[in-house]
């Protein structure tokens, strides 16, 4: 096999792996209880989850959720969460011990 063929195959694998990041998120819903427990709904099934990271960047809230069998980054903008929900989430992220 020539060097060009190996290089092309490697490039294809890297591109295919990177394109997975742009697929539709698997999470259809998530919840954070008053006790701090997370629940993640994936493909109609609910899983106990864990918040790996959460950041507020201007109007954007970035969450990284992990559950048994998966991990997902979520971006919450103003148009996909109400103002009250976003306000409570920002406060809870600020007061929690998440990286």
C-alpha atoms as a PDB file:
ATOM      1  CA  UNK A   1       0.000   0.000   0.000  1.00  0.00           C
ATOM      2  CA  UNK A   2       1.399   3.366  -0.938  1.00  0.00           C
ATOM      3  CA  UNK A   3       2.058   6.194   1.486  1.00  0.00           C
ATOM      4  CA  UNK A   4      -0.633   8.332  -0.162  1.00  0.00           C
ATOM      5  CA  UNK A   5      -3.259   5.613   0.304  1.00  0.00           C
ATOM      6  CA  UNK A   6      -2.399   5.223   3.998  1.00  0.00           C
ATOM      7  CA  UNK A   7      -2.454   8.987   4.479  1.00  0.00           C
ATOM      8  CA  UNK A   8      -5.817   9.275   2.710  1.00  0.00           C
ATOM      9  CA  UNK A   9      -7.301   6.448   4.802  1.00  0.00           C
ATOM     10  CA  UNK A  10      -6.055   8.092   8.008  1.00  0.00           C
ATOM     11  CA  UNK A  11      -7.510  11.437   6.955  1.00  0.00           C
ATOM     12  CA  UNK A  12     -10.861   9.778   6.245  1.00  0.00           C
ATOM     13  CA  UNK A  13     -10.953   8.170   9.707  1.00  0.00           C
ATOM     14  CA  UNK A  14     -10.119  11.466  11.441  1.00  0.00           C
ATOM     15  CA  UNK A  15     -12.767  13.356   9.438  1.00  0.00           C
ATOM     16  CA  UNK A  16     -15.424  10.722  10.153  1.00  0.00           C
ATOM     17  CA  UNK A  17     -14.630  10.885  13.869  1.00  0.00           C
ATOM     18  CA  UNK A  18     -14.789  14.703  13.900  1.00  0.00           C
ATOM     19  CA  UNK A  19     -18.094  14.797  12.001  1.00  0.00           C
ATOM     20  CA  UNK A  20     -19.741  12.831  14.823  1.00  0.00           C
ATOM     21  CA  UNK A  21     -19.407  15.951  16.972  1.00  0.00           C
ATOM     22  CA  UNK A  22     -21.874  17.786  14.716  1.00  0.00           C
ATOM     23  CA  UNK A  23     -24.657  15.208  14.801  1.00  0.00           C
ATOM     24  CA  UNK A  24     -27.920  15.945  16.553  1.00  0.00           C
ATOM     25  CA  UNK A  25     -27.612  15.567  20.320  1.00  0.00           C
ATOM     26  CA  UNK A  26     -28.852  12.278  21.710  1.00  0.00           C
ATOM     27  CA  UNK A  27     -30.300  13.958  24.801  1.00  0.00           C
ATOM     28  CA  UNK A  28     -33.965  14.864  24.402  1.00  0.00           C
ATOM     29  CA  UNK A  29     -34.371  16.198  27.967  1.00  0.00           C
ATOM     30  CA  UNK A  30     -32.502  16.580  31.232  1.00  0.00           C
ATOM     31  CA  UNK A  31     -33.409  17.551  34.785  1.00  0.00           C
ATOM     32  CA  UNK A  32     -31.535  18.705  37.863  1.00  0.00           C
ATOM     33  CA  UNK A  33     -33.283  17.953  41.158  1.00  0.00           C
ATOM     34  CA  UNK A  34     -33.104  20.131  44.265  1.00  0.00           C
ATOM     35  CA  UNK A  35     -30.802  17.493  45.801  1.00  0.00           C
ATOM     36  CA  UNK A  36     -28.332  17.970  42.939  1.00  0.00           C
ATOM     37  CA  UNK A  37     -29.109  14.728  41.085  1.00  0.00           C
ATOM     38  CA  UNK A  38     -29.183  14.822  37.285  1.00  0.00           C
ATOM     39  CA  UNK A  39     -31.483  12.778  35.059  1.00  0.00           C
ATOM     40  CA  UNK A  40     -30.835  12.483  31.326  1.00  0.00           C
ATOM     41  CA  UNK A  41     -33.420  11.260  28.788  1.00  0.00           C
ATOM     42  CA  UNK A  42     -31.831   9.533  25.802  1.00  0.00           C
ATOM     43  CA  UNK A  43     -33.917   7.777  23.130  1.00  0.00           C
ATOM     44  CA  UNK A  44     -36.967   7.759  25.405  1.00  0.00           C
ATOM     45  CA  UNK A  45     -35.100   6.156  28.311  1.00  0.00           C
ATOM     46  CA  UNK A  46     -34.069   7.998  31.478  1.00  0.00           C
ATOM     47  CA  UNK A  47     -30.604   7.566  32.971  1.00  0.00           C
ATOM     48  CA  UNK A  48     -29.050   8.930  36.141  1.00  0.00           C
ATOM     49  CA  UNK A  49     -26.488  11.457  34.996  1.00  0.00           C
ATOM     50  CA  UNK A  50     -23.621  13.550  36.244  1.00  0.00           C
ATOM     51  CA  UNK A  51     -22.599  17.081  35.383  1.00  0.00           C
ATOM     52  CA  UNK A  52     -18.930  16.977  34.363  1.00  0.00           C
ATOM     53  CA  UNK A  53     -18.623  20.672  33.574  1.00  0.00           C
ATOM     54  CA  UNK A  54     -20.809  23.730  33.338  1.00  0.00           C
ATOM     55  CA  UNK A  55     -19.922  27.222  32.208  1.00  0.00           C
ATOM     56  CA  UNK A  56     -21.744  30.444  31.507  1.00  0.00           C
ATOM     57  CA  UNK A  57     -20.318  32.403  28.583  1.00  0.00           C
ATOM     58  CA  UNK A  58     -22.348  35.557  28.076  1.00  0.00           C
ATOM     59  CA  UNK A  59     -25.857  34.468  27.106  1.00  0.00           C
ATOM     60  CA  UNK A  60     -24.695  30.892  26.438  1.00  0.00           C
ATOM     61  CA  UNK A  61     -24.754  28.086  29.019  1.00  0.00           C
ATOM     62  CA  UNK A  62     -22.463  25.145  28.206  1.00  0.00           C
ATOM     63  CA  UNK A  63     -23.078  21.830  29.989  1.00  0.00           C
ATOM     64  CA  UNK A  64     -21.181  18.558  29.739  1.00  0.00           C
ATOM     65  CA  UNK A  65     -23.350  15.696  30.972  1.00  0.00           C
ATOM     66  CA  UNK A  66     -22.221  12.106  31.461  1.00  0.00           C
ATOM     67  CA  UNK A  67     -24.356   9.023  32.056  1.00  0.00           C
ATOM     68  CA  UNK A  68     -23.880   5.284  31.869  1.00  0.00           C
ATOM     69  CA  UNK A  69     -23.260   4.724  28.183  1.00  0.00           C
ATOM     70  CA  UNK A  70     -22.640   8.257  27.008  1.00  0.00           C
ATOM     71  CA  UNK A  71     -21.426  11.798  27.315  1.00  0.00           C
ATOM     72  CA  UNK A  72     -22.753  14.909  25.617  1.00  0.00           C
ATOM     73  CA  UNK A  73     -22.032  18.626  25.421  1.00  0.00           C
ATOM     74  CA  UNK A  74     -25.136  20.827  25.467  1.00  0.00           C
ATOM     75  CA  UNK A  75     -25.367  24.468  24.449  1.00  0.00           C
ATOM     76  CA  UNK A  76     -28.320  26.364  25.892  1.00  0.00           C
ATOM     77  CA  UNK A  77     -29.167  29.643  24.174  1.00  0.00           C
ATOM     78  CA  UNK A  78     -31.916  32.098  25.009  1.00  0.00           C
ATOM     79  CA  UNK A  79     -34.252  30.557  22.438  1.00  0.00           C
ATOM     80  CA  UNK A  80     -34.226  26.998  23.841  1.00  0.00           C
ATOM     81  CA  UNK A  81     -34.694  27.679  27.560  1.00  0.00           C
ATOM     82  CA  UNK A  82     -36.866  30.214  29.358  1.00  0.00           C
ATOM     83  CA  UNK A  83     -35.351  33.171  31.193  1.00  0.00           C
ATOM     84  CA  UNK A  84     -36.369  31.862  34.630  1.00  0.00           C
ATOM     85  CA  UNK A  85     -34.928  28.404  33.940  1.00  0.00           C
ATOM     86  CA  UNK A  86     -31.676  29.897  32.653  1.00  0.00           C
ATOM     87  CA  UNK A  87     -31.415  32.226  35.664  1.00  0.00           C
ATOM     88  CA  UNK A  88     -31.837  29.354  38.139  1.00  0.00           C
ATOM     89  CA  UNK A  89     -29.373  27.196  36.194  1.00  0.00           C
ATOM     90  CA  UNK A  90     -26.751  29.990  36.135  1.00  0.00           C
ATOM     91  CA  UNK A  91     -27.099  30.487  39.898  1.00  0.00           C
ATOM     92  CA  UNK A  92     -26.887  26.761  40.611  1.00  0.00           C
ATOM     93  CA  UNK A  93     -23.819  26.414  38.384  1.00  0.00           C
ATOM     94  CA  UNK A  94     -22.158  29.334  40.149  1.00  0.00           C
ATOM     95  CA  UNK A  95     -22.791  27.837  43.595  1.00  0.00           C
ATOM     96  CA  UNK A  96     -21.954  24.208  42.731  1.00  0.00           C
ATOM     97  CA  UNK A  97     -18.475  22.701  42.668  1.00  0.00           C
ATOM     98  CA  UNK A  98     -18.352  21.935  38.954  1.00  0.00           C
ATOM     99  CA  UNK A  99     -15.217  22.684  36.942  1.00  0.00           C
END
